[in-house]
Amino acid sequence: MPSTMEVKCESDDCELDMFENHYTYDVPDDHAVEDLSCPYCGGSDLVEIEV
């Protein structure tokens, strides 16, 4: 099963508290949360979280 990453935006100006990022089987091994941007505010102050 492809992996899922839970991500939180830590920008003080952002209203989004969490989003899930679902991947296909061919996502590169070196892909990390640093490669993403917030879908709400466009910022890059993101952290991966465990739920």
N, C-alpha and C. Protein backbone atom coordinates (compact mmCIF):
# COMPACT_ATOMS: atom_id res chain seq x y z
N MET A 1 0.85 -1.18 0.00
CA MET A 1 0.00 0.00 0.00
C MET A 1 0.89 1.24 0.00
N PRO A 2 0.55 2.25 -0.84
CA PRO A 2 1.36 3.48 -0.86
C PRO A 2 1.32 4.19 0.49
N SER A 3 2.36 4.94 0.75
CA SER A 3 2.46 5.62 2.04
C SER A 3 1.60 6.88 2.09
N THR A 4 1.30 7.31 3.30
CA THR A 4 0.56 8.54 3.58
C THR A 4 1.35 9.34 4.61
N MET A 5 1.45 10.64 4.40
CA MET A 5 2.16 11.51 5.33
C MET A 5 1.17 12.53 5.89
N GLU A 6 1.12 12.64 7.21
CA GLU A 6 0.32 13.67 7.88
C GLU A 6 1.22 14.88 8.09
N VAL A 7 0.76 16.05 7.67
CA VAL A 7 1.58 17.24 7.71
C VAL A 7 0.82 18.39 8.37
N LYS A 8 1.54 19.16 9.16
CA LYS A 8 0.97 20.32 9.85
C LYS A 8 1.71 21.57 9.39
N CYS A 9 0.96 22.64 9.12
CA CYS A 9 1.55 23.93 8.79
C CYS A 9 1.70 24.72 10.08
N GLU A 10 2.90 25.21 10.35
CA GLU A 10 3.16 25.93 11.59
C GLU A 10 3.23 27.43 11.41
N SER A 11 2.80 27.94 10.27
CA SER A 11 2.78 29.39 10.05
C SER A 11 1.70 30.02 10.91
N ASP A 12 2.02 31.09 11.59
CA ASP A 12 1.05 31.78 12.45
C ASP A 12 -0.13 32.36 11.67
N ASP A 13 0.07 32.65 10.40
CA ASP A 13 -0.96 33.26 9.58
C ASP A 13 -1.84 32.24 8.85
N CYS A 14 -1.55 30.96 9.01
CA CYS A 14 -2.27 29.92 8.28
C CYS A 14 -3.41 29.35 9.11
N GLU A 15 -4.56 29.14 8.48
CA GLU A 15 -5.74 28.58 9.15
C GLU A 15 -5.82 27.06 9.02
N LEU A 16 -4.95 26.44 8.24
CA LEU A 16 -4.97 24.99 8.04
C LEU A 16 -4.22 24.31 9.18
N ASP A 17 -4.85 23.37 9.85
CA ASP A 17 -4.18 22.73 10.97
C ASP A 17 -3.45 21.45 10.57
N MET A 18 -3.95 20.71 9.55
CA MET A 18 -3.32 19.45 9.17
C MET A 18 -3.82 19.04 7.80
N PHE A 19 -2.98 18.35 7.03
CA PHE A 19 -3.44 17.74 5.79
C PHE A 19 -2.71 16.42 5.58
N GLU A 20 -3.34 15.52 4.80
CA GLU A 20 -2.74 14.24 4.47
C GLU A 20 -2.19 14.32 3.07
N ASN A 21 -1.03 13.74 2.88
CA ASN A 21 -0.44 13.67 1.56
C ASN A 21 -0.33 12.19 1.20
N HIS A 22 -1.05 11.77 0.16
CA HIS A 22 -1.06 10.37 -0.27
C HIS A 22 -0.14 10.22 -1.47
N TYR A 23 0.64 9.15 -1.46
CA TYR A 23 1.65 8.93 -2.48
C TYR A 23 1.34 7.71 -3.33
N THR A 24 1.87 7.70 -4.55
CA THR A 24 1.83 6.51 -5.39
C THR A 24 3.03 5.64 -5.03
N TYR A 25 3.11 4.49 -5.64
CA TYR A 25 4.22 3.58 -5.35
C TYR A 25 5.57 4.11 -5.83
N ASP A 26 5.58 5.00 -6.80
CA ASP A 26 6.85 5.43 -7.38
C ASP A 26 7.36 6.77 -6.87
N VAL A 27 6.99 7.16 -5.65
CA VAL A 27 7.56 8.37 -5.05
C VAL A 27 9.04 8.10 -4.73
N PRO A 28 9.93 9.07 -5.01
CA PRO A 28 11.36 8.86 -4.74
C PRO A 28 11.63 8.61 -3.25
N ASP A 29 12.62 7.80 -2.96
CA ASP A 29 12.98 7.47 -1.57
C ASP A 29 13.44 8.69 -0.79
N ASP A 30 14.02 9.68 -1.46
CA ASP A 30 14.55 10.85 -0.76
C ASP A 30 13.52 11.98 -0.62
N HIS A 31 12.26 11.72 -0.99
CA HIS A 31 11.20 12.73 -0.85
C HIS A 31 10.89 12.94 0.63
N ALA A 32 10.78 14.20 1.04
CA ALA A 32 10.55 14.52 2.46
C ALA A 32 9.59 15.70 2.57
N VAL A 33 9.18 16.00 3.79
CA VAL A 33 8.25 17.10 4.04
C VAL A 33 8.84 18.44 3.57
N GLU A 34 10.14 18.57 3.52
CA GLU A 34 10.79 19.80 3.05
C GLU A 34 10.52 20.06 1.57
N ASP A 35 10.09 19.03 0.83
CA ASP A 35 9.80 19.18 -0.59
C ASP A 35 8.38 19.68 -0.85
N LEU A 36 7.57 19.84 0.20
CA LEU A 36 6.17 20.22 0.07
C LEU A 36 5.94 21.69 0.40
N SER A 37 4.78 22.20 -0.01
CA SER A 37 4.33 23.51 0.42
C SER A 37 2.88 23.38 0.89
N CYS A 38 2.46 24.27 1.75
CA CYS A 38 1.11 24.22 2.31
C CYS A 38 0.08 24.50 1.21
N PRO A 39 -0.93 23.65 1.08
CA PRO A 39 -1.96 23.88 0.05
C PRO A 39 -2.88 25.06 0.38
N TYR A 40 -2.86 25.54 1.61
CA TYR A 40 -3.72 26.66 2.00
C TYR A 40 -3.00 28.01 1.84
N CYS A 41 -1.84 28.14 2.49
CA CYS A 41 -1.15 29.44 2.48
C CYS A 41 0.05 29.48 1.53
N GLY A 42 0.48 28.31 1.06
CA GLY A 42 1.62 28.27 0.15
C GLY A 42 2.96 28.31 0.84
N GLY A 43 2.96 28.37 2.17
CA GLY A 43 4.20 28.44 2.94
C GLY A 43 4.94 27.13 3.01
N SER A 44 6.13 27.18 3.56
CA SER A 44 6.96 25.98 3.67
C SER A 44 7.32 25.66 5.12
N ASP A 45 6.60 26.23 6.08
CA ASP A 45 6.85 25.98 7.49
C ASP A 45 6.05 24.74 7.93
N LEU A 46 6.42 23.59 7.39
CA LEU A 46 5.68 22.35 7.59
C LEU A 46 6.45 21.35 8.41
N VAL A 47 5.73 20.53 9.17
CA VAL A 47 6.33 19.44 9.93
C VAL A 47 5.46 18.20 9.75
N GLU A 48 6.12 17.05 9.69
CA GLU A 48 5.40 15.78 9.64
C GLU A 48 4.95 15.43 11.04
N ILE A 49 3.71 14.96 11.18
CA ILE A 49 3.19 14.60 12.49
C ILE A 49 2.70 13.16 12.51
N GLU A 50 2.64 12.59 13.70
CA GLU A 50 2.09 11.25 13.93
C GLU A 50 0.72 11.44 14.53
N VAL A 51 -0.29 10.76 13.99
CA VAL A 51 -1.64 10.82 14.56
C VAL A 51 -2.06 9.46 15.05
